[in-house]
Amino acid sequence: MKKIIFTEKAPAPIGPYNQAVLTGNTLYVSGQIAINPVNGTLITETIEAETTQVMENLKAILEAAGMTFENVVKSSIFIQNMNDFGAINTVYGSYFNEKTAPARETVQVACLPKNVNIEISVIATI
């Protein structure tokens, strides 16, 4: 059995996928980019602002599933420019307790949807 998780507090999917799927005790959250769910605009003024919007979108989806960042066991970060890693890491790290932070990989990619600079997906458990 799988349960589809959806919240209007995060951007609606822009393709044939859902914001998140809960199966058993595991939540799989689709990659989030910096779309403001209120007005649909992309937040790309700075990498810090872009990363913050991505994390807020993830937070909203986690909350819709009754979870927090403490439930996240794995995250995947895709970035356009590895030179942005330090700034991204600072914002990303502010959402986690360092002692209980999830496993993670960060990968530089050639292109992301809507030409954004960062996309993050997470897996969380109850």
PDB file of N, CA and C in Angstrom:
ATOM      1  N   MET A   1       0.839  -1.186   0.000  1.00  0.00           N
ATOM      2  CA  MET A   1       0.000   0.000   0.000  1.00  0.00           C
ATOM      3  C   MET A   1       0.882   1.247   0.000  1.00  0.00           C
ATOM      4  N   LYS A   2       0.438   2.219  -0.755  1.00  0.00           N
ATOM      5  CA  LYS A   2       1.124   3.496  -0.726  1.00  0.00           C
ATOM      6  C   LYS A   2       0.102   4.602  -0.551  1.00  0.00           C
ATOM      7  N   LYS A   3       0.529   5.644   0.148  1.00  0.00           N
ATOM      8  CA  LYS A   3      -0.314   6.803   0.386  1.00  0.00           C
ATOM      9  C   LYS A   3       0.363   8.000  -0.256  1.00  0.00           C
ATOM     10  N   ILE A   4      -0.377   8.729  -1.075  1.00  0.00           N
ATOM     11  CA  ILE A   4       0.145   9.927  -1.726  1.00  0.00           C
ATOM     12  C   ILE A   4       0.058  11.088  -0.738  1.00  0.00           C
ATOM     13  N   ILE A   5       1.152  11.809  -0.589  1.00  0.00           N
ATOM     14  CA  ILE A   5       1.206  12.973   0.283  1.00  0.00           C
ATOM     15  C   ILE A   5       1.186  14.220  -0.592  1.00  0.00           C
ATOM     16  N   PHE A   6       0.288  15.144  -0.259  1.00  0.00           N
ATOM     17  CA  PHE A   6       0.196  16.399  -1.011  1.00  0.00           C
ATOM     18  C   PHE A   6      -0.126  17.533  -0.047  1.00  0.00           C
ATOM     19  N   THR A   7       0.507  18.661  -0.258  1.00  0.00           N
ATOM     20  CA  THR A   7       0.195  19.873   0.482  1.00  0.00           C
ATOM     21  C   THR A   7       0.257  21.071  -0.455  1.00  0.00           C
ATOM     22  N   GLU A   8      -0.629  22.008  -0.238  1.00  0.00           N
ATOM     23  CA  GLU A   8      -0.587  23.250  -1.007  1.00  0.00           C
ATOM     24  C   GLU A   8       0.500  24.186  -0.506  1.00  0.00           C
ATOM     25  N   LYS A   9       1.155  23.819   0.593  1.00  0.00           N
ATOM     26  CA  LYS A   9       2.236  24.629   1.153  1.00  0.00           C
ATOM     27  C   LYS A   9       3.567  24.363   0.463  1.00  0.00           C
ATOM     28  N   ALA A  10       3.555  23.474  -0.532  1.00  0.00           N
ATOM     29  CA  ALA A  10       4.729  23.182  -1.358  1.00  0.00           C
ATOM     30  C   ALA A  10       4.272  23.234  -2.816  1.00  0.00           C
ATOM     31  N   PRO A  11       5.200  23.416  -3.742  1.00  0.00           N
ATOM     32  CA  PRO A  11       4.818  23.503  -5.157  1.00  0.00           C
ATOM     33  C   PRO A  11       4.124  22.228  -5.637  1.00  0.00           C
ATOM     34  N   ALA A  12       3.111  22.404  -6.458  1.00  0.00           N
ATOM     35  CA  ALA A  12       2.449  21.262  -7.083  1.00  0.00           C
ATOM     36  C   ALA A  12       3.417  20.614  -8.064  1.00  0.00           C
ATOM     37  N   PRO A  13       3.325  19.306  -8.239  1.00  0.00           N
ATOM     38  CA  PRO A  13       4.195  18.630  -9.207  1.00  0.00           C
ATOM     39  C   PRO A  13       4.035  19.230 -10.609  1.00  0.00           C
ATOM     40  N   ILE A  14       5.132  19.258 -11.361  1.00  0.00           N
ATOM     41  CA  ILE A  14       5.099  19.792 -12.727  1.00  0.00           C
ATOM     42  C   ILE A  14       5.277  18.666 -13.742  1.00  0.00           C
ATOM     43  N   GLY A  15       4.827  17.496 -13.378  1.00  0.00           N
ATOM     44  CA  GLY A  15       4.932  16.334 -14.250  1.00  0.00           C
ATOM     45  C   GLY A  15       4.187  15.163 -13.641  1.00  0.00           C
ATOM     46  N   PRO A  16       4.368  13.983 -14.201  1.00  0.00           N
ATOM     47  CA  PRO A  16       3.656  12.795 -13.714  1.00  0.00           C
ATOM     48  C   PRO A  16       4.311  12.173 -12.481  1.00  0.00           C
ATOM     49  N   TYR A  17       4.258  12.892 -11.372  1.00  0.00           N
ATOM     50  CA  TYR A  17       4.802  12.408 -10.105  1.00  0.00           C
ATOM     51  C   TYR A  17       4.058  13.106  -8.978  1.00  0.00           C
ATOM     52  N   ASN A  18       4.285  12.684  -7.749  1.00  0.00           N
ATOM     53  CA  ASN A  18       3.674  13.292  -6.571  1.00  0.00           C
ATOM     54  C   ASN A  18       4.736  13.943  -5.711  1.00  0.00           C
ATOM     55  N   GLN A  19       4.304  14.839  -4.835  1.00  0.00           N
ATOM     56  CA  GLN A  19       5.240  15.482  -3.917  1.00  0.00           C
ATOM     57  C   GLN A  19       5.958  14.440  -3.073  1.00  0.00           C
ATOM     58  N   ALA A  20       5.190  13.453  -2.596  1.00  0.00           N
ATOM     59  CA  ALA A  20       5.781  12.404  -1.774  1.00  0.00           C
ATOM     60  C   ALA A  20       4.874  11.191  -1.758  1.00  0.00           C
ATOM     61  N   VAL A  21       5.470  10.048  -1.454  1.00  0.00           N
ATOM     62  CA  VAL A  21       4.739   8.788  -1.325  1.00  0.00           C
ATOM     63  C   VAL A  21       5.171   8.139  -0.021  1.00  0.00           C
ATOM     64  N   LEU A  22       4.174   7.773   0.788  1.00  0.00           N
ATOM     65  CA  LEU A  22       4.430   7.064   2.037  1.00  0.00           C
ATOM     66  C   LEU A  22       4.080   5.604   1.820  1.00  0.00           C
ATOM     67  N   THR A  23       5.020   4.730   2.074  1.00  0.00           N
ATOM     68  CA  THR A  23       4.766   3.298   1.988  1.00  0.00           C
ATOM     69  C   THR A  23       5.346   2.663   3.248  1.00  0.00           C
ATOM     70  N   GLY A  24       4.503   1.979   3.996  1.00  0.00           N
ATOM     71  CA  GLY A  24       4.936   1.455   5.284  1.00  0.00           C
ATOM     72  C   GLY A  24       5.335   2.607   6.179  1.00  0.00           C
ATOM     73  N   ASN A  25       6.535   2.543   6.726  1.00  0.00           N
ATOM     74  CA  ASN A  25       7.045   3.608   7.586  1.00  0.00           C
ATOM     75  C   ASN A  25       8.001   4.550   6.872  1.00  0.00           C
ATOM     76  N   THR A  26       8.071   4.446   5.544  1.00  0.00           N
ATOM     77  CA  THR A  26       9.053   5.217   4.790  1.00  0.00           C
ATOM     78  C   THR A  26       8.375   6.220   3.862  1.00  0.00           C
ATOM     79  N   LEU A  27       8.870   7.458   3.908  1.00  0.00           N
ATOM     80  CA  LEU A  27       8.379   8.538   3.061  1.00  0.00           C
ATOM     81  C   LEU A  27       9.443   8.881   2.029  1.00  0.00           C
ATOM     82  N   TYR A  28       9.062   8.854   0.772  1.00  0.00           N
ATOM     83  CA  TYR A  28       9.947   9.225  -0.329  1.00  0.00           C
ATOM     84  C   TYR A  28       9.468  10.576  -0.857  1.00  0.00           C
ATOM     85  N   VAL A  29      10.291  11.603  -0.696  1.00  0.00           N
ATOM     86  CA  VAL A  29       9.922  12.949  -1.124  1.00  0.00           C
ATOM     87  C   VAL A  29      10.618  13.263  -2.437  1.00  0.00           C
ATOM     88  N   SER A  30       9.822  13.654  -3.418  1.00  0.00           N
ATOM     89  CA  SER A  30      10.372  14.015  -4.724  1.00  0.00           C
ATOM     90  C   SER A  30      11.299  15.209  -4.612  1.00  0.00           C
ATOM     91  N   GLY A  31      12.217  15.309  -5.553  1.00  0.00           N
ATOM     92  CA  GLY A  31      13.136  16.432  -5.585  1.00  0.00           C
ATOM     93  C   GLY A  31      12.388  17.749  -5.618  1.00  0.00           C
ATOM     94  N   GLN A  32      12.832  18.667  -4.795  1.00  0.00           N
ATOM     95  CA  GLN A  32      12.216  19.985  -4.712  1.00  0.00           C
ATOM     96  C   GLN A  32      13.173  21.038  -5.239  1.00  0.00           C
ATOM     97  N   ILE A  33      12.600  21.978  -5.981  1.00  0.00           N
ATOM     98  CA  ILE A  33      13.352  23.130  -6.441  1.00  0.00           C
ATOM     99  C   ILE A  33      12.739  24.360  -5.787  1.00  0.00           C
ATOM    100  N   ALA A  34      13.320  25.516  -6.018  1.00  0.00           N
ATOM    101  CA  ALA A  34      12.944  26.730  -5.294  1.00  0.00           C
ATOM    102  C   ALA A  34      11.749  27.455  -5.905  1.00  0.00           C
ATOM    103  N   ILE A  35      10.644  26.755  -6.032  1.00  0.00           N
ATOM    104  CA  ILE A  35       9.411  27.391  -6.479  1.00  0.00           C
ATOM    105  C   ILE A  35       8.641  27.841  -5.245  1.00  0.00           C
ATOM    106  N   ASN A  36       8.267  29.106  -5.223  1.00  0.00           N
ATOM    107  CA  ASN A  36       7.439  29.629  -4.146  1.00  0.00           C
ATOM    108  C   ASN A  36       6.020  29.094  -4.366  1.00  0.00           C
ATOM    109  N   PRO A  37       5.474  28.310  -3.426  1.00  0.00           N
ATOM    110  CA  PRO A  37       4.161  27.703  -3.648  1.00  0.00           C
ATOM    111  C   PRO A  37       3.017  28.705  -3.630  1.00  0.00           C
ATOM    112  N   VAL A  38       3.231  29.896  -3.097  1.00  0.00           N
ATOM    113  CA  VAL A  38       2.182  30.904  -3.030  1.00  0.00           C
ATOM    114  C   VAL A  38       1.903  31.520  -4.396  1.00  0.00           C
ATOM    115  N   ASN A  39       2.985  31.856  -5.124  1.00  0.00           N
ATOM    116  CA  ASN A  39       2.785  32.543  -6.403  1.00  0.00           C
ATOM    117  C   ASN A  39       3.439  31.845  -7.597  1.00  0.00           C
ATOM    118  N   GLY A  40       4.115  30.729  -7.359  1.00  0.00           N
ATOM    119  CA  GLY A  40       4.695  29.959  -8.454  1.00  0.00           C
ATOM    120  C   GLY A  40       5.986  30.503  -9.032  1.00  0.00           C
ATOM    121  N   THR A  41       6.550  31.531  -8.414  1.00  0.00           N
ATOM    122  CA  THR A  41       7.794  32.094  -8.942  1.00  0.00           C
ATOM    123  C   THR A  41       9.000  31.305  -8.450  1.00  0.00           C
ATOM    124  N   LEU A  42      10.046  31.331  -9.243  1.00  0.00           N
ATOM    125  CA  LEU A  42      11.311  30.723  -8.851  1.00  0.00           C
ATOM    126  C   LEU A  42      12.107  31.709  -8.004  1.00  0.00           C
ATOM    127  N   ILE A  43      12.681  31.224  -6.926  1.00  0.00           N
ATOM    128  CA  ILE A  43      13.518  32.044  -6.055  1.00  0.00           C
ATOM    129  C   ILE A  43      14.971  31.719  -6.406  1.00  0.00           C
ATOM    130  N   THR A  44      15.631  32.622  -7.122  1.00  0.00           N
ATOM    131  CA  THR A  44      17.011  32.358  -7.551  1.00  0.00           C
ATOM    132  C   THR A  44      17.926  33.562  -7.362  1.00  0.00           C
ATOM    133  N   GLU A  45      17.516  34.534  -6.539  1.00  0.00           N
ATOM    134  CA  GLU A  45      18.332  35.743  -6.370  1.00  0.00           C
ATOM    135  C   GLU A  45      19.730  35.414  -5.851  1.00  0.00           C
ATOM    136  N   THR A  46      19.790  34.544  -4.844  1.00  0.00           N
ATOM    137  CA  THR A  46      21.077  34.085  -4.309  1.00  0.00           C
ATOM    138  C   THR A  46      20.963  32.585  -4.078  1.00  0.00           C
ATOM    139  N   ILE A  47      22.094  31.913  -3.985  1.00  0.00           N
ATOM    140  CA  ILE A  47      22.050  30.470  -3.736  1.00  0.00           C
ATOM    141  C   ILE A  47      21.503  30.201  -2.333  1.00  0.00           C
ATOM    142  N   GLU A  48      21.739  31.116  -1.399  1.00  0.00           N
ATOM    143  CA  GLU A  48      21.192  30.959  -0.053  1.00  0.00           C
ATOM    144  C   GLU A  48      19.667  31.045  -0.066  1.00  0.00           C
ATOM    145  N   ALA A  49      19.115  32.023  -0.770  1.00  0.00           N
ATOM    146  CA  ALA A  49      17.660  32.170  -0.860  1.00  0.00           C
ATOM    147  C   ALA A  49      17.044  30.977  -1.588  1.00  0.00           C
ATOM    148  N   GLU A  50      17.714  30.529  -2.631  1.00  0.00           N
ATOM    149  CA  GLU A  50      17.218  29.385  -3.396  1.00  0.00           C
ATOM    150  C   GLU A  50      17.214  28.121  -2.528  1.00  0.00           C
ATOM    151  N   THR A  51      18.289  27.899  -1.800  1.00  0.00           N
ATOM    152  CA  THR A  51      18.384  26.725  -0.936  1.00  0.00           C
ATOM    153  C   THR A  51      17.346  26.797   0.183  1.00  0.00           C
ATOM    154  N   THR A  52      17.146  27.975   0.752  1.00  0.00           N
ATOM    155  CA  THR A  52      16.145  28.145   1.805  1.00  0.00           C
ATOM    156  C   THR A  52      14.756  27.783   1.296  1.00  0.00           C
ATOM    157  N   GLN A  53      14.405  28.222   0.087  1.00  0.00           N
ATOM    158  CA  GLN A  53      13.077  27.894  -0.458  1.00  0.00           C
ATOM    159  C   GLN A  53      12.943  26.394  -0.678  1.00  0.00           C
ATOM    160  N   VAL A  54      13.991  25.756  -1.173  1.00  0.00           N
ATOM    161  CA  VAL A  54      13.970  24.300  -1.357  1.00  0.00           C
ATOM    162  C   VAL A  54      13.725  23.613  -0.014  1.00  0.00           C
ATOM    163  N   MET A  55      14.451  24.030   1.012  1.00  0.00           N
ATOM    164  CA  MET A  55      14.304  23.409   2.332  1.00  0.00           C
ATOM    165  C   MET A  55      12.917  23.666   2.918  1.00  0.00           C
ATOM    166  N   GLU A  56      12.361  24.847   2.693  1.00  0.00           N
ATOM    167  CA  GLU A  56      11.011  25.150   3.185  1.00  0.00           C
ATOM    168  C   GLU A  56       9.967  24.294   2.458  1.00  0.00           C
ATOM    169  N   ASN A  57      10.183  24.037   1.174  1.00  0.00           N
ATOM    170  CA  ASN A  57       9.280  23.154   0.431  1.00  0.00           C
ATOM    171  C   ASN A  57       9.348  21.738   0.992  1.00  0.00           C
ATOM    172  N   LEU A  58      10.554  21.261   1.253  1.00  0.00           N
ATOM    173  CA  LEU A  58      10.714  19.934   1.854  1.00  0.00           C
ATOM    174  C   LEU A  58      10.050  19.879   3.229  1.00  0.00           C
ATOM    175  N   LYS A  59      10.253  20.919   4.021  1.00  0.00           N
ATOM    176  CA  LYS A  59       9.664  20.987   5.364  1.00  0.00           C
ATOM    177  C   LYS A  59       8.143  20.880   5.296  1.00  0.00           C
ATOM    178  N   ALA A  60       7.531  21.585   4.363  1.00  0.00           N
ATOM    179  CA  ALA A  60       6.070  21.558   4.226  1.00  0.00           C
ATOM    180  C   ALA A  60       5.573  20.155   3.879  1.00  0.00           C
ATOM    181  N   ILE A  61       6.293  19.465   3.015  1.00  0.00           N
ATOM    182  CA  ILE A  61       5.892  18.104   2.628  1.00  0.00           C
ATOM    183  C   ILE A  61       6.084  17.142   3.794  1.00  0.00           C
ATOM    184  N   LEU A  62       7.198  17.265   4.491  1.00  0.00           N
ATOM    185  CA  LEU A  62       7.421  16.427   5.673  1.00  0.00           C
ATOM    186  C   LEU A  62       6.302  16.646   6.692  1.00  0.00           C
ATOM    187  N   GLU A  63       5.947  17.897   6.932  1.00  0.00           N
ATOM    188  CA  GLU A  63       4.886  18.205   7.893  1.00  0.00           C
ATOM    189  C   GLU A  63       3.546  17.628   7.449  1.00  0.00           C
ATOM    190  N   ALA A  64       3.278  17.647   6.141  1.00  0.00           N
ATOM    191  CA  ALA A  64       2.024  17.083   5.622  1.00  0.00           C
ATOM    192  C   ALA A  64       1.945  15.586   5.897  1.00  0.00           C
ATOM    193  N   ALA A  65       3.098  14.949   6.042  1.00  0.00           N
ATOM    194  CA  ALA A  65       3.155  13.518   6.344  1.00  0.00           C
ATOM    195  C   ALA A  65       3.304  13.265   7.846  1.00  0.00           C
ATOM    196  N   GLY A  66       3.246  14.334   8.651  1.00  0.00           N
ATOM    197  CA  GLY A  66       3.384  14.192  10.087  1.00  0.00           C
ATOM    198  C   GLY A  66       4.813  13.977  10.537  1.00  0.00           C
ATOM    199  N   MET A  67       5.763  14.484   9.771  1.00  0.00           N
ATOM    200  CA  MET A  67       7.178  14.303  10.071  1.00  0.00           C
ATOM    201  C   MET A  67       7.894  15.644  10.135  1.00  0.00           C
ATOM    202  N   THR A  68       9.170  15.575  10.549  1.00  0.00           N
ATOM    203  CA  THR A  68      10.054  16.739  10.569  1.00  0.00           C
ATOM    204  C   THR A  68      11.389  16.328   9.954  1.00  0.00           C
ATOM    205  N   PHE A  69      12.321  17.253   9.926  1.00  0.00           N
ATOM    206  CA  PHE A  69      13.652  16.915   9.423  1.00  0.00           C
ATOM    207  C   PHE A  69      14.346  15.870  10.288  1.00  0.00           C
ATOM    208  N   GLU A  70      13.916  15.709  11.529  1.00  0.00           N
ATOM    209  CA  GLU A  70      14.475  14.663  12.391  1.00  0.00           C
ATOM    210  C   GLU A  70      14.165  13.264  11.850  1.00  0.00           C
ATOM    211  N   ASN A  71      13.123  13.132  11.037  1.00  0.00           N
ATOM    212  CA  ASN A  71      12.753  11.842  10.463  1.00  0.00           C
ATOM    213  C   ASN A  71      13.551  11.505   9.207  1.00  0.00           C
ATOM    214  N   VAL A  72      14.262  12.476   8.654  1.00  0.00           N
ATOM    215  CA  VAL A  72      14.994  12.269   7.400  1.00  0.00           C
ATOM    216  C   VAL A  72      16.214  11.387   7.657  1.00  0.00           C
ATOM    217  N   VAL A  73      16.305  10.314   6.873  1.00  0.00           N
ATOM    218  CA  VAL A  73      17.438   9.394   7.002  1.00  0.00           C
ATOM    219  C   VAL A  73      18.405   9.484   5.823  1.00  0.00           C
ATOM    220  N   LYS A  74      17.964  10.077   4.714  1.00  0.00           N
ATOM    221  CA  LYS A  74      18.802  10.158   3.502  1.00  0.00           C
ATOM    222  C   LYS A  74      18.384  11.366   2.697  1.00  0.00           C
ATOM    223  N   SER A  75      19.342  12.110   2.213  1.00  0.00           N
ATOM    224  CA  SER A  75      19.036  13.210   1.305  1.00  0.00           C
ATOM    225  C   SER A  75      19.987  13.166   0.116  1.00  0.00           C
ATOM    226  N   SER A  76      19.489  13.664  -0.987  1.00  0.00           N
ATOM    227  CA  SER A  76      20.285  13.771  -2.216  1.00  0.00           C
ATOM    228  C   SER A  76      20.226  15.218  -2.682  1.00  0.00           C
ATOM    229  N   ILE A  77      21.396  15.811  -2.847  1.00  0.00           N
ATOM    230  CA  ILE A  77      21.485  17.199  -3.278  1.00  0.00           C
ATOM    231  C   ILE A  77      22.131  17.236  -4.657  1.00  0.00           C
ATOM    232  N   PHE A  78      21.445  17.877  -5.573  1.00  0.00           N
ATOM    233  CA  PHE A  78      21.950  18.038  -6.937  1.00  0.00           C
ATOM    234  C   PHE A  78      22.169  19.526  -7.155  1.00  0.00           C
ATOM    235  N   ILE A  79      23.400  19.896  -7.545  1.00  0.00           N
ATOM    236  CA  ILE A  79      23.714  21.306  -7.732  1.00  0.00           C
ATOM    237  C   ILE A  79      24.382  21.537  -9.082  1.00  0.00           C
ATOM    238  N   GLN A  80      24.184  22.744  -9.586  1.00  0.00           N
ATOM    239  CA  GLN A  80      24.775  23.116 -10.876  1.00  0.00           C
ATOM    240  C   GLN A  80      26.265  23.444 -10.752  1.00  0.00           C
ATOM    241  N   ASN A  81      26.645  24.007  -9.604  1.00  0.00           N
ATOM    242  CA  ASN A  81      28.017  24.499  -9.462  1.00  0.00           C
ATOM    243  C   ASN A  81      28.563  24.111  -8.092  1.00  0.00           C
ATOM    244  N   MET A  82      29.560  23.263  -8.066  1.00  0.00           N
ATOM    245  CA  MET A  82      30.134  22.799  -6.805  1.00  0.00           C
ATOM    246  C   MET A  82      30.746  23.948  -5.999  1.00  0.00           C
ATOM    247  N   ASN A  83      31.030  25.072  -6.655  1.00  0.00           N
ATOM    248  CA  ASN A  83      31.528  26.238  -5.926  1.00  0.00           C
ATOM    249  C   ASN A  83      30.482  26.803  -4.966  1.00  0.00           C
ATOM    250  N   ASP A  84      29.209  26.453  -5.155  1.00  0.00           N
ATOM    251  CA  ASP A  84      28.130  26.891  -4.270  1.00  0.00           C
ATOM    252  C   ASP A  84      27.980  25.985  -3.048  1.00  0.00           C
ATOM    253  N   PHE A  85      28.770  24.916  -2.983  1.00  0.00           N
ATOM    254  CA  PHE A  85      28.605  23.915  -1.931  1.00  0.00           C
ATOM    255  C   PHE A  85      28.641  24.502  -0.527  1.00  0.00           C
ATOM    256  N   GLY A  86      29.573  25.380  -0.240  1.00  0.00           N
ATOM    257  CA  GLY A  86      29.701  25.947   1.100  1.00  0.00           C
ATOM    258  C   GLY A  86      28.456  26.694   1.534  1.00  0.00           C
ATOM    259  N   ALA A  87      27.951  27.549   0.663  1.00  0.00           N
ATOM    260  CA  ALA A  87      26.744  28.323   0.986  1.00  0.00           C
ATOM    261  C   ALA A  87      25.532  27.412   1.124  1.00  0.00           C
ATOM    262  N   ILE A  88      25.415  26.441   0.238  1.00  0.00           N
ATOM    263  CA  ILE A  88      24.311  25.476   0.306  1.00  0.00           C
ATOM    264  C   ILE A  88      24.390  24.695   1.611  1.00  0.00           C
ATOM    265  N   ASN A  89      25.570  24.227   1.944  1.00  0.00           N
ATOM    266  CA  ASN A  89      25.768  23.418   3.144  1.00  0.00           C
ATOM    267  C   ASN A  89      25.397  24.188   4.411  1.00  0.00           C
ATOM    268  N   THR A  90      25.699  25.476   4.445  1.00  0.00           N
ATOM    269  CA  THR A  90      25.358  26.299   5.607  1.00  0.00           C
ATOM    270  C   THR A  90      23.847  26.373   5.791  1.00  0.00           C
ATOM    271  N   VAL A  91      23.114  26.653   4.716  1.00  0.00           N
ATOM    272  CA  VAL A  91      21.645  26.721   4.808  1.00  0.00           C
ATOM    273  C   VAL A  91      21.084  25.345   5.121  1.00  0.00           C
ATOM    274  N   TYR A  92      21.486  24.339   4.379  1.00  0.00           N
ATOM    275  CA  TYR A  92      21.012  22.970   4.577  1.00  0.00           C
ATOM    276  C   TYR A  92      21.236  22.532   6.025  1.00  0.00           C
ATOM    277  N   GLY A  93      22.434  22.776   6.535  1.00  0.00           N
ATOM    278  CA  GLY A  93      22.783  22.359   7.886  1.00  0.00           C
ATOM    279  C   GLY A  93      21.945  23.020   8.961  1.00  0.00           C
ATOM    280  N   SER A  94      21.413  24.199   8.680  1.00  0.00           N
ATOM    281  CA  SER A  94      20.606  24.903   9.681  1.00  0.00           C
ATOM    282  C   SER A  94      19.255  24.217   9.928  1.00  0.00           C
ATOM    283  N   TYR A  95      18.877  23.288   9.071  1.00  0.00           N
ATOM    284  CA  TYR A  95      17.609  22.568   9.214  1.00  0.00           C
ATOM    285  C   TYR A  95      17.763  21.237   9.954  1.00  0.00           C
ATOM    286  N   PHE A  96      18.997  20.850  10.248  1.00  0.00           N
ATOM    287  CA  PHE A  96      19.250  19.555  10.881  1.00  0.00           C
ATOM    288  C   PHE A  96      20.042  19.716  12.167  1.00  0.00           C
ATOM    289  N   ASN A  97      19.856  18.754  13.057  1.00  0.00           N
ATOM    290  CA  ASN A  97      20.711  18.609  14.225  1.00  0.00           C
ATOM    291  C   ASN A  97      21.936  17.848  13.727  1.00  0.00           C
ATOM    292  N   GLU A  98      23.104  18.421  13.860  1.00  0.00           N
ATOM    293  CA  GLU A  98      24.303  17.816  13.294  1.00  0.00           C
ATOM    294  C   GLU A  98      24.544  16.391  13.809  1.00  0.00           C
ATOM    295  N   LYS A  99      24.197  16.125  15.066  1.00  0.00           N
ATOM    296  CA  LYS A  99      24.427  14.798  15.645  1.00  0.00           C
ATOM    297  C   LYS A  99      23.493  13.736  15.070  1.00  0.00           C
ATOM    298  N   THR A 100      22.334  14.155  14.541  1.00  0.00           N
ATOM    299  CA  THR A 100      21.367  13.193  13.999  1.00  0.00           C
ATOM    300  C   THR A 100      21.085  13.448  12.517  1.00  0.00           C
ATOM    301  N   ALA A 101      21.954  14.189  11.874  1.00  0.00           N
ATOM    302  CA  ALA A 101      21.762  14.514  10.450  1.00  0.00           C
ATOM    303  C   ALA A 101      21.719  13.238   9.612  1.00  0.00           C
ATOM    304  N   PRO A 102      21.021  13.285   8.481  1.00  0.00           N
ATOM    305  CA  PRO A 102      20.890  12.088   7.637  1.00  0.00           C
ATOM    306  C   PRO A 102      22.144  11.793   6.821  1.00  0.00           C
ATOM    307  N   ALA A 103      22.158  10.601   6.249  1.00  0.00           N
ATOM    308  CA  ALA A 103      23.158  10.286   5.229  1.00  0.00           C
ATOM    309  C   ALA A 103      22.867  11.188   4.028  1.00  0.00           C
ATOM    310  N   ARG A 104      23.876  11.444   3.198  1.00  0.00           N
ATOM    311  CA  ARG A 104      23.666  12.407   2.116  1.00  0.00           C
ATOM    312  C   ARG A 104      24.716  12.230   1.037  1.00  0.00           C
ATOM    313  N   GLU A 105      24.311  12.582  -0.187  1.00  0.00           N
ATOM    314  CA  GLU A 105      25.290  12.785  -1.247  1.00  0.00           C
ATOM    315  C   GLU A 105      24.994  14.117  -1.900  1.00  0.00           C
ATOM    316  N   THR A 106      26.039  14.739  -2.414  1.00  0.00           N
ATOM    317  CA  THR A 106      25.916  15.994  -3.145  1.00  0.00           C
ATOM    318  C   THR A 106      26.609  15.794  -4.478  1.00  0.00           C
ATOM    319  N   VAL A 107      25.874  16.039  -5.547  1.00  0.00           N
ATOM    320  CA  VAL A 107      26.370  15.754  -6.887  1.00  0.00           C
ATOM    321  C   VAL A 107      26.213  16.984  -7.766  1.00  0.00           C
ATOM    322  N   GLN A 108      27.262  17.335  -8.481  1.00  0.00           N
ATOM    323  CA  GLN A 108      27.160  18.400  -9.474  1.00  0.00           C
ATOM    324  C   GLN A 108      26.596  17.806 -10.749  1.00  0.00           C
ATOM    325  N   VAL A 109      25.617  18.501 -11.321  1.00  0.00           N
ATOM    326  CA  VAL A 109      24.955  18.022 -12.531  1.00  0.00           C
ATOM    327  C   VAL A 109      25.020  19.096 -13.622  1.00  0.00           C
ATOM    328  N   ALA A 110      24.771  18.678 -14.840  1.00  0.00           N
ATOM    329  CA  ALA A 110      24.861  19.597 -15.969  1.00  0.00           C
ATOM    330  C   ALA A 110      23.662  20.535 -16.062  1.00  0.00           C
ATOM    331  N   CYS A 111      22.477  20.027 -15.717  1.00  0.00           N
ATOM    332  CA  CYS A 111      21.274  20.841 -15.859  1.00  0.00           C
ATOM    333  C   CYS A 111      20.189  20.302 -14.930  1.00  0.00           C
ATOM    334  N   LEU A 112      19.379  21.210 -14.402  1.00  0.00           N
ATOM    335  CA  LEU A 112      18.253  20.848 -13.538  1.00  0.00           C
ATOM    336  C   LEU A 112      16.974  21.448 -14.104  1.00  0.00           C
ATOM    337  N   PRO A 113      15.810  20.946 -13.671  1.00  0.00           N
ATOM    338  CA  PRO A 113      14.547  21.489 -14.177  1.00  0.00           C
ATOM    339  C   PRO A 113      14.477  23.006 -14.022  1.00  0.00           C
ATOM    340  N   LYS A 114      13.956  23.661 -15.024  1.00  0.00           N
ATOM    341  CA  LYS A 114      13.791  25.118 -15.050  1.00  0.00           C
ATOM    342  C   LYS A 114      15.118  25.862 -14.866  1.00  0.00           C
ATOM    343  N   ASN A 115      16.226  25.171 -15.137  1.00  0.00           N
ATOM    344  CA  ASN A 115      17.575  25.746 -15.034  1.00  0.00           C
ATOM    345  C   ASN A 115      17.881  26.297 -13.647  1.00  0.00           C
ATOM    346  N   VAL A 116      17.349  25.654 -12.609  1.00  0.00           N
ATOM    347  CA  VAL A 116      17.651  26.081 -11.243  1.00  0.00           C
ATOM    348  C   VAL A 116      19.062  25.656 -10.869  1.00  0.00           C
ATOM    349  N   ASN A 117      19.515  26.121  -9.723  1.00  0.00           N
ATOM    350  CA  ASN A 117      20.867  25.826  -9.265  1.00  0.00           C
ATOM    351  C   ASN A 117      20.947  24.669  -8.289  1.00  0.00           C
ATOM    352  N   ILE A 118      19.796  24.267  -7.721  1.00  0.00           N
ATOM    353  CA  ILE A 118      19.791  23.219  -6.706  1.00  0.00           C
ATOM    354  C   ILE A 118      18.454  22.483  -6.697  1.00  0.00           C
ATOM    355  N   GLU A 119      18.532  21.179  -6.449  1.00  0.00           N
ATOM    356  CA  GLU A 119      17.354  20.337  -6.224  1.00  0.00           C
ATOM    357  C   GLU A 119      17.715  19.362  -5.116  1.00  0.00           C
ATOM    358  N   ILE A 120      16.788  19.148  -4.186  1.00  0.00           N
ATOM    359  CA  ILE A 120      17.039  18.223  -3.074  1.00  0.00           C
ATOM    360  C   ILE A 120      15.849  17.294  -2.932  1.00  0.00           C
ATOM    361  N   SER A 121      16.143  16.005  -2.754  1.00  0.00           N
ATOM    362  CA  SER A 121      15.111  15.008  -2.413  1.00  0.00           C
ATOM    363  C   SER A 121      15.520  14.353  -1.101  1.00  0.00           C
ATOM    364  N   VAL A 122      14.527  13.831  -0.384  1.00  0.00           N
ATOM    365  CA  VAL A 122      14.821  13.171   0.896  1.00  0.00           C
ATOM    366  C   VAL A 122      14.003  11.897   1.053  1.00  0.00           C
ATOM    367  N   ILE A 123      14.499  11.036   1.923  1.00  0.00           N
ATOM    368  CA  ILE A 123      13.788   9.852   2.367  1.00  0.00           C
ATOM    369  C   ILE A 123      13.700   9.961   3.883  1.00  0.00           C
ATOM    370  N   ALA A 124      12.497   9.747   4.424  1.00  0.00           N
ATOM    371  CA  ALA A 124      12.288   9.858   5.859  1.00  0.00           C
ATOM    372  C   ALA A 124      11.560   8.618   6.367  1.00  0.00           C
ATOM    373  N   THR A 125      11.732   8.343   7.642  1.00  0.00           N
ATOM    374  CA  THR A 125      11.042   7.202   8.259  1.00  0.00           C
ATOM    375  C   THR A 125      10.369   7.633   9.560  1.00  0.00           C
ATOM    376  N   ILE A 126       9.350   6.890   9.909  1.00  0.00           N
ATOM    377  CA  ILE A 126       8.617   7.151  11.147  1.00  0.00           C
ATOM    378  C   ILE A 126       9.379   6.516  12.288  1.00  0.00           C
TER     379      ILE A 126
END
